[in-house]
N, C-alpha and C. Protein backbone atom coordinates (compact mmCIF):
# COMPACT_ATOMS: atom_id res chain seq x y z
N MET A 1 0.81 -0.83 0.16
CA MET A 1 -0.07 -0.05 -0.02
C MET A 1 1.11 1.30 -0.11
N THR A 2 0.81 1.96 -1.02
CA THR A 2 1.84 3.18 -0.90
C THR A 2 0.73 4.45 -0.32
N ILE A 3 1.54 5.38 -0.04
CA ILE A 3 0.83 6.63 0.68
C ILE A 3 -0.14 7.13 -0.18
N PHE A 4 0.06 7.26 -1.40
CA PHE A 4 -1.34 7.92 -2.09
C PHE A 4 -2.44 7.17 -2.32
N SER A 5 -2.23 5.98 -2.32
CA SER A 5 -3.37 5.00 -2.36
C SER A 5 -4.43 5.21 -1.17
N SER A 6 -3.68 5.63 -0.06
CA SER A 6 -4.82 6.17 1.11
C SER A 6 -5.33 7.26 0.82
N LEU A 7 -5.06 8.24 0.18
CA LEU A 7 -5.29 9.72 -0.39
C LEU A 7 -6.56 9.69 -1.50
N THR A 8 -6.43 8.53 -2.25
CA THR A 8 -7.78 8.89 -3.07
C THR A 8 -8.98 8.23 -2.68
N PRO A 9 -10.24 8.90 -2.43
CA PRO A 9 -11.21 8.54 -2.07
C PRO A 9 -11.96 7.04 -2.58
N LYS A 10 -12.66 6.41 -2.13
CA LYS A 10 -13.19 5.21 -2.51
C LYS A 10 -14.53 5.38 -2.86
N THR A 11 -15.08 4.93 -3.57
CA THR A 11 -16.26 5.32 -3.75
C THR A 11 -17.08 3.87 -3.29
N PRO A 12 -18.10 4.45 -2.75
CA PRO A 12 -18.85 3.27 -1.80
C PRO A 12 -19.28 2.40 -2.73
N ARG A 13 -19.64 1.05 -2.59
CA ARG A 13 -19.89 0.03 -3.30
C ARG A 13 -21.63 -0.12 -2.85
N ARG A 14 -22.55 -0.35 -3.70
CA ARG A 14 -23.94 -0.06 -3.42
C ARG A 14 -24.33 -1.85 -2.87
N ARG A 15 -25.32 -1.93 -2.09
CA ARG A 15 -25.42 -3.00 -1.70
C ARG A 15 -26.35 -3.75 -2.27
N GLY A 16 -26.55 -5.26 -2.42
CA GLY A 16 -27.77 -5.84 -2.77
C GLY A 16 -27.30 -6.12 -4.45
N ALA A 17 -28.10 -6.73 -5.08
CA ALA A 17 -28.32 -6.97 -6.24
C ALA A 17 -28.46 -6.07 -7.51
N PRO A 18 -27.70 -5.94 -8.34
CA PRO A 18 -27.90 -4.88 -9.58
C PRO A 18 -29.46 -5.08 -9.95
N SER A 19 -30.04 -3.92 -10.18
CA SER A 19 -31.39 -3.49 -10.58
C SER A 19 -31.61 -4.88 -11.85
N GLY A 20 -32.87 -5.26 -11.54
CA GLY A 20 -33.10 -6.41 -12.50
C GLY A 20 -32.78 -7.90 -12.62
N ASN A 21 -31.80 -7.91 -11.69
CA ASN A 21 -31.41 -9.64 -11.01
C ASN A 21 -32.54 -10.18 -10.81
N LEU A 22 -32.52 -11.49 -11.17
CA LEU A 22 -33.27 -12.19 -11.25
C LEU A 22 -32.79 -13.64 -10.49
N ASN A 23 -31.69 -13.44 -9.96
CA ASN A 23 -30.60 -14.68 -9.28
C ASN A 23 -32.06 -15.57 -8.24
N ALA A 24 -32.65 -14.59 -7.79
CA ALA A 24 -33.55 -15.18 -6.67
C ALA A 24 -34.59 -16.13 -7.37
N LEU A 25 -35.00 -15.96 -8.62
CA LEU A 25 -35.94 -17.04 -9.20
C LEU A 25 -35.30 -18.20 -9.73
N LYS A 26 -33.68 -18.43 -10.04
CA LYS A 26 -32.90 -19.40 -10.06
C LYS A 26 -32.53 -19.92 -8.78
N HIS A 27 -32.35 -19.32 -7.82
CA HIS A 27 -32.06 -19.91 -6.84
C HIS A 27 -33.00 -20.11 -5.42
N GLY A 28 -34.06 -19.20 -5.54
CA GLY A 28 -34.86 -18.85 -4.44
C GLY A 28 -35.72 -20.00 -4.05
N PHE A 29 -36.54 -19.86 -2.69
CA PHE A 29 -37.49 -20.84 -2.38
C PHE A 29 -38.45 -21.76 -3.41
N TYR A 30 -38.66 -21.14 -4.24
CA TYR A 30 -39.83 -21.82 -5.32
C TYR A 30 -39.06 -22.31 -6.64
N SER A 31 -37.53 -21.89 -6.60
CA SER A 31 -36.74 -22.18 -7.76
C SER A 31 -36.91 -23.68 -8.25
N HIS A 32 -37.16 -24.56 -7.66
CA HIS A 32 -37.54 -26.23 -8.10
C HIS A 32 -38.89 -26.30 -8.61
N LEU A 33 -39.67 -25.07 -8.50
CA LEU A 33 -40.81 -25.52 -9.25
C LEU A 33 -40.97 -24.94 -10.65
N PHE A 34 -40.01 -24.03 -10.86
CA PHE A 34 -39.98 -23.61 -12.18
C PHE A 34 -39.27 -24.45 -13.38
N ARG A 35 -39.73 -24.58 -14.58
CA ARG A 35 -39.08 -25.29 -15.61
C ARG A 35 -37.78 -24.45 -16.34
N LYS A 36 -36.96 -24.78 -16.87
CA LYS A 36 -35.69 -24.09 -17.31
C LYS A 36 -36.65 -22.83 -18.62
N ILE A 37 -37.56 -23.27 -19.07
CA ILE A 37 -38.26 -22.56 -20.18
C ILE A 37 -39.04 -21.37 -19.49
N GLU A 38 -39.54 -21.65 -18.32
CA GLU A 38 -40.17 -20.72 -17.42
C GLU A 38 -39.22 -19.66 -16.74
N LEU A 39 -38.01 -20.18 -16.61
CA LEU A 39 -37.13 -19.28 -16.26
C LEU A 39 -36.60 -18.10 -17.15
N GLY A 40 -36.52 -18.94 -18.31
CA GLY A 40 -36.07 -17.84 -19.48
C GLY A 40 -37.48 -16.75 -19.51
N ASP A 41 -38.65 -17.29 -19.73
CA ASP A 41 -39.73 -16.58 -19.78
C ASP A 41 -39.47 -15.44 -18.83
N LEU A 42 -39.37 -15.92 -17.58
CA LEU A 42 -39.54 -15.03 -16.52
C LEU A 42 -38.71 -13.80 -16.65
N GLN A 43 -37.56 -14.08 -17.23
CA GLN A 43 -36.33 -13.20 -17.39
C GLN A 43 -37.03 -12.11 -18.29
N ALA A 44 -37.77 -12.53 -19.23
CA ALA A 44 -37.91 -11.58 -20.39
C ALA A 44 -38.98 -10.83 -20.20
N ILE A 45 -39.76 -10.92 -19.10
CA ILE A 45 -40.86 -10.18 -18.74
C ILE A 45 -40.17 -8.76 -18.24
N PRO A 46 -41.19 -7.64 -18.80
CA PRO A 46 -40.70 -5.92 -18.29
C PRO A 46 -41.19 -6.24 -16.96
N LEU A 47 -40.37 -5.77 -16.01
CA LEU A 47 -41.01 -5.45 -14.62
C LEU A 47 -42.11 -4.18 -14.33
N ASP A 48 -42.11 -3.56 -15.38
CA ASP A 48 -43.10 -2.19 -15.18
C ASP A 48 -44.39 -2.78 -16.01
N ASP A 49 -45.02 -3.53 -16.09
CA ASP A 49 -46.23 -4.14 -16.95
C ASP A 49 -46.92 -5.14 -16.16
N LEU A 50 -47.70 -4.85 -16.03
CA LEU A 50 -48.85 -6.23 -15.64
C LEU A 50 -50.27 -6.72 -16.22
N GLN A 51 -49.94 -5.92 -17.53
CA GLN A 51 -51.19 -6.39 -18.69
C GLN A 51 -51.42 -7.82 -18.72
N ASP A 52 -50.48 -8.58 -18.73
CA ASP A 52 -50.49 -9.99 -19.06
C ASP A 52 -51.20 -10.80 -17.86
N GLU A 53 -50.81 -10.21 -16.63
CA GLU A 53 -51.40 -10.80 -15.30
C GLU A 53 -52.67 -10.43 -15.07
N ILE A 54 -53.21 -9.17 -15.75
CA ILE A 54 -54.45 -8.56 -15.68
C ILE A 54 -55.28 -9.42 -16.41
N GLY A 55 -54.82 -9.72 -17.66
CA GLY A 55 -55.44 -10.37 -18.57
C GLY A 55 -55.93 -12.09 -18.37
N MET A 56 -54.63 -12.56 -17.80
CA MET A 56 -54.76 -13.96 -17.32
C MET A 56 -56.02 -13.88 -16.25
N LEU A 57 -55.74 -13.18 -15.16
CA LEU A 57 -56.90 -13.08 -14.13
C LEU A 57 -58.27 -12.94 -14.69
N ARG A 58 -58.34 -12.21 -15.70
CA ARG A 58 -59.72 -11.70 -16.31
C ARG A 58 -60.45 -12.99 -16.93
N VAL A 59 -59.37 -13.81 -17.71
CA VAL A 59 -59.77 -15.21 -18.14
C VAL A 59 -60.23 -16.29 -17.18
N LEU A 60 -59.14 -15.96 -16.12
CA LEU A 60 -59.76 -17.21 -14.92
C LEU A 60 -61.00 -16.84 -14.34
N ILE A 61 -61.09 -15.50 -14.22
CA ILE A 61 -62.63 -15.25 -13.56
C ILE A 61 -63.85 -15.39 -14.23
N ARG A 62 -63.60 -15.46 -15.90
CA ARG A 62 -64.72 -15.99 -16.46
C ARG A 62 -64.58 -17.51 -16.37
N ARG A 63 -63.75 -18.36 -16.44
CA ARG A 63 -64.09 -19.47 -16.38
C ARG A 63 -64.58 -19.76 -15.12
N VAL A 64 -64.39 -19.38 -14.04
CA VAL A 64 -64.95 -19.66 -12.92
C VAL A 64 -66.58 -19.17 -12.82
N MET A 65 -66.71 -18.21 -13.32
CA MET A 65 -68.23 -17.51 -13.70
C MET A 65 -69.06 -18.67 -14.22
N GLU A 66 -68.55 -19.48 -15.50
CA GLU A 66 -68.80 -20.34 -16.36
C GLU A 66 -68.90 -21.77 -15.50
N LEU A 67 -68.32 -21.70 -14.61
CA LEU A 67 -68.44 -23.12 -13.75
C LEU A 67 -69.79 -22.79 -12.71
N ALA A 68 -69.78 -21.67 -12.24
CA ALA A 68 -70.93 -21.35 -11.63
C ALA A 68 -72.17 -21.19 -12.07
N ARG A 69 -72.21 -21.31 -13.34
CA ARG A 69 -73.72 -21.20 -14.18
C ARG A 69 -74.35 -22.44 -13.62
N ASP A 70 -73.74 -23.76 -13.71
CA ASP A 70 -74.72 -24.74 -13.33
C ASP A 70 -74.66 -25.26 -11.74
N VAL A 71 -74.12 -24.59 -11.08
CA VAL A 71 -74.01 -25.25 -9.53
C VAL A 71 -75.59 -25.04 -8.83
N GLN A 72 -75.59 -26.26 -8.14
CA GLN A 72 -76.90 -26.41 -7.43
C GLN A 72 -76.61 -26.36 -6.01
N ASP A 73 -75.48 -26.96 -5.76
CA ASP A 73 -74.85 -27.31 -4.31
C ASP A 73 -74.63 -25.88 -3.75
N LEU A 74 -75.20 -25.78 -2.38
CA LEU A 74 -74.67 -24.44 -1.63
C LEU A 74 -73.30 -24.28 -1.11
N ASP A 75 -72.61 -25.30 -0.77
CA ASP A 75 -71.49 -25.32 -0.35
C ASP A 75 -70.80 -24.97 -1.47
N GLN A 76 -70.83 -25.76 -2.81
CA GLN A 76 -69.95 -25.46 -3.63
C GLN A 76 -70.22 -23.74 -4.55
N ALA A 77 -71.30 -23.33 -4.30
CA ALA A 77 -71.81 -21.67 -4.71
C ALA A 77 -70.74 -21.10 -3.91
N LEU A 78 -70.69 -21.30 -2.38
CA LEU A 78 -70.19 -20.76 -1.31
C LEU A 78 -68.66 -20.74 -1.86
N ARG A 79 -68.10 -21.90 -2.11
CA ARG A 79 -66.48 -21.87 -2.34
C ARG A 79 -66.36 -21.00 -4.04
N LEU A 80 -67.43 -21.09 -4.97
CA LEU A 80 -67.05 -20.37 -6.08
C LEU A 80 -67.13 -18.68 -5.74
N LEU A 81 -68.14 -18.54 -4.88
CA LEU A 81 -68.17 -16.80 -4.49
C LEU A 81 -66.86 -16.38 -3.94
N SER A 82 -66.57 -17.00 -3.17
CA SER A 82 -65.16 -16.84 -2.27
C SER A 82 -64.27 -16.52 -3.34
N THR A 83 -63.84 -17.70 -4.07
CA THR A 83 -63.07 -17.83 -4.93
C THR A 83 -63.01 -16.52 -6.03
N LEU A 84 -64.32 -15.72 -6.38
CA LEU A 84 -64.75 -14.99 -7.25
C LEU A 84 -64.29 -13.68 -6.58
N SER A 85 -64.57 -13.59 -5.38
CA SER A 85 -64.50 -12.52 -4.34
C SER A 85 -62.66 -12.21 -4.30
N LEU A 86 -61.85 -13.26 -4.22
CA LEU A 86 -60.74 -13.19 -3.85
C LEU A 86 -60.25 -12.79 -5.22
N ALA A 87 -60.43 -13.27 -6.55
CA ALA A 87 -59.99 -12.76 -7.77
C ALA A 87 -60.20 -11.54 -8.10
N THR A 88 -61.59 -10.99 -7.61
CA THR A 88 -61.90 -9.60 -8.65
C THR A 88 -61.25 -8.70 -7.55
N ALA A 89 -60.94 -8.99 -5.86
CA ALA A 89 -59.87 -8.11 -5.09
C ALA A 89 -58.77 -7.73 -5.72
N ASN A 90 -58.07 -9.32 -5.99
CA ASN A 90 -56.61 -9.16 -6.80
C ASN A 90 -56.66 -8.25 -8.03
N LEU A 91 -57.88 -8.83 -8.82
CA LEU A 91 -57.91 -7.90 -10.19
C LEU A 91 -57.94 -6.62 -9.92
N SER A 92 -58.73 -5.78 -9.19
CA SER A 92 -58.56 -4.66 -8.71
C SER A 92 -57.44 -3.76 -8.37
N ARG A 93 -56.66 -4.59 -7.43
CA ARG A 93 -55.41 -4.34 -6.86
C ARG A 93 -54.42 -4.19 -8.08
N LEU A 94 -54.18 -5.31 -8.96
CA LEU A 94 -53.41 -5.17 -10.17
C LEU A 94 -53.51 -4.17 -10.87
N VAL A 95 -55.03 -3.71 -11.35
CA VAL A 95 -55.34 -2.63 -12.22
C VAL A 95 -54.69 -1.11 -11.57
N LYS A 96 -55.13 -1.12 -10.20
CA LYS A 96 -54.60 -0.05 -9.66
C LYS A 96 -53.22 0.23 -9.55
N THR A 97 -52.56 -0.92 -9.27
CA THR A 97 -51.08 -0.86 -9.36
C THR A 97 -50.61 -0.66 -10.87
N GLN A 98 -51.05 -1.22 -11.80
CA GLN A 98 -50.62 -0.95 -13.44
C GLN A 98 -51.22 0.78 -13.49
N ARG A 99 -52.22 1.23 -12.91
CA ARG A 99 -52.42 2.70 -13.16
C ARG A 99 -51.32 3.65 -12.71
N LEU A 100 -50.81 2.99 -11.61
CA LEU A 100 -49.88 3.84 -10.70
C LEU A 100 -48.41 3.59 -11.44
N ILE A 101 -48.18 2.68 -12.00
CA ILE A 101 -46.64 2.41 -12.48
C ILE A 101 -46.64 3.19 -13.84
N SER A 102 -48.03 3.04 -14.61
CA SER A 102 -47.52 3.80 -16.02
C SER A 102 -48.24 5.08 -16.21
N SER A 103 -48.60 5.54 -14.87
CA SER A 103 -48.92 6.93 -15.02
C SER A 103 -48.09 7.90 -15.48
N ASP A 104 -48.53 9.06 -16.52
CA ASP A 104 -47.98 9.88 -16.77
C ASP A 104 -47.64 11.07 -15.87
N PHE A 105 -46.46 11.42 -15.74
CA PHE A 105 -46.16 12.67 -14.58
C PHE A 105 -46.02 13.83 -15.22
N SER A 106 -46.33 14.02 -16.50
CA SER A 106 -46.20 15.40 -17.32
C SER A 106 -47.11 16.41 -16.71
N GLU A 107 -47.94 16.23 -16.19
CA GLU A 107 -48.87 17.29 -15.50
C GLU A 107 -48.05 17.64 -14.43
N PHE A 108 -47.51 16.82 -13.55
CA PHE A 108 -46.64 17.05 -12.11
C PHE A 108 -45.64 17.75 -12.52
N ASP A 109 -44.88 17.38 -13.82
CA ASP A 109 -43.73 18.18 -14.07
C ASP A 109 -43.88 19.28 -14.72
N ALA A 110 -45.16 19.73 -15.29
CA ALA A 110 -45.62 21.04 -15.52
C ALA A 110 -45.65 21.85 -14.57
N THR A 111 -46.17 21.46 -13.43
CA THR A 111 -46.69 22.19 -11.98
C THR A 111 -45.44 22.46 -11.39
N VAL A 112 -44.32 21.44 -11.31
CA VAL A 112 -43.20 21.67 -10.71
C VAL A 112 -42.26 22.90 -11.47
N ASP A 113 -42.43 22.76 -12.89
CA ASP A 113 -41.55 23.71 -13.71
C ASP A 113 -42.50 25.07 -13.49
N GLU A 114 -43.58 25.10 -13.41
CA GLU A 114 -44.05 26.86 -13.16
C GLU A 114 -43.74 27.02 -11.74
N VAL A 115 -43.58 26.26 -10.82
CA VAL A 115 -43.40 26.75 -9.40
C VAL A 115 -42.09 27.21 -9.47
N ILE A 116 -41.10 26.54 -9.69
CA ILE A 116 -39.64 27.02 -10.22
C ILE A 116 -39.25 28.20 -10.62
N SER A 117 -40.01 28.29 -11.72
CA SER A 117 -40.11 29.47 -12.70
C SER A 117 -40.45 30.91 -11.62
N GLU A 118 -41.71 30.22 -10.95
CA GLU A 118 -42.37 31.21 -10.18
C GLU A 118 -41.25 31.86 -9.17
N LEU A 119 -40.79 30.94 -8.65
CA LEU A 119 -39.90 31.29 -7.51
C LEU A 119 -38.54 31.86 -7.93
N THR A 120 -38.09 31.49 -9.26
CA THR A 120 -36.88 31.94 -9.82
C THR A 120 -37.19 33.73 -9.88
N GLU A 121 -38.20 33.75 -10.48
CA GLU A 121 -38.63 35.41 -10.90
C GLU A 121 -38.75 35.93 -9.38
N ASN A 122 -39.38 35.65 -8.50
CA ASN A 122 -39.57 36.28 -7.15
C ASN A 122 -38.32 36.31 -6.62
N TRP A 123 -37.41 35.45 -7.01
CA TRP A 123 -35.89 35.64 -6.22
C TRP A 123 -35.34 36.92 -6.79
N ARG A 124 -35.01 36.79 -7.97
CA ARG A 124 -34.55 37.92 -9.25
C ARG A 124 -35.15 39.34 -8.82
N ARG A 125 -36.44 39.14 -8.72
CA ARG A 125 -37.31 40.56 -8.50
C ARG A 125 -36.67 41.16 -6.94
N ALA A 126 -36.71 40.10 -6.04
CA ALA A 126 -36.24 40.54 -4.71
C ALA A 126 -34.64 40.89 -4.65
N THR A 127 -33.90 40.27 -5.18
CA THR A 127 -32.40 40.41 -5.48
C THR A 127 -32.11 42.05 -6.06
N SER A 128 -32.97 42.10 -7.24
CA SER A 128 -32.89 43.61 -7.96
C SER A 128 -33.36 44.77 -7.23
N GLU A 129 -34.71 44.23 -6.40
CA GLU A 129 -35.16 45.66 -5.31
C GLU A 129 -33.88 46.00 -4.21
N ASN A 130 -33.41 44.77 -3.64
CA ASN A 130 -32.49 44.92 -2.33
C ASN A 130 -31.22 45.68 -3.13
N GLN A 131 -30.71 45.53 -4.40
CA GLN A 131 -29.84 46.14 -4.96
C GLN A 131 -29.93 47.71 -5.15
N THR A 132 -31.11 47.83 -5.59
CA THR A 132 -31.69 49.21 -5.96
C THR A 132 -31.74 49.98 -4.72
N ALA A 133 -32.29 49.37 -3.68
CA ALA A 133 -32.48 50.03 -2.15
C ALA A 133 -31.24 50.24 -1.53
N SER A 134 -30.21 49.56 -1.76
CA SER A 134 -28.82 49.98 -1.18
C SER A 134 -28.36 50.90 -1.79
N GLY A 135 -28.47 50.97 -2.97
CA GLY A 135 -27.99 52.17 -3.96
C GLY A 135 -26.49 51.78 -4.11
N PRO A 136 -25.88 53.00 -5.02
CA PRO A 136 -24.50 52.95 -5.29
C PRO A 136 -23.53 53.32 -4.26
């Protein structure tokens, strides 16, 4: 170790896995349940879109509704109703989450730009008035 190496600042290492790392899928608790092709498919999924999951859940809800059409037994009807309730609650949460992650922040950006411009103008005006008041 040289005297100069202690003078150079060390950049701190980020903790944890890099963004988008899917090692947990390969080595995690459920990893033995995934087929190789499924692991590849999971790695190809964009992490910011839930449209496929929303569509799948809607199809499954429709299938459960079709099963419920011919039910005569009260216990079976209650189980189907419970399943439908859980599925629709999850669908609602997925739709809400999708809306949140894909929302357009342009309106927010415009508001922030407007506030910053107004603050900057007020600061310039106040600085100009202070210079004029103090005189030469």
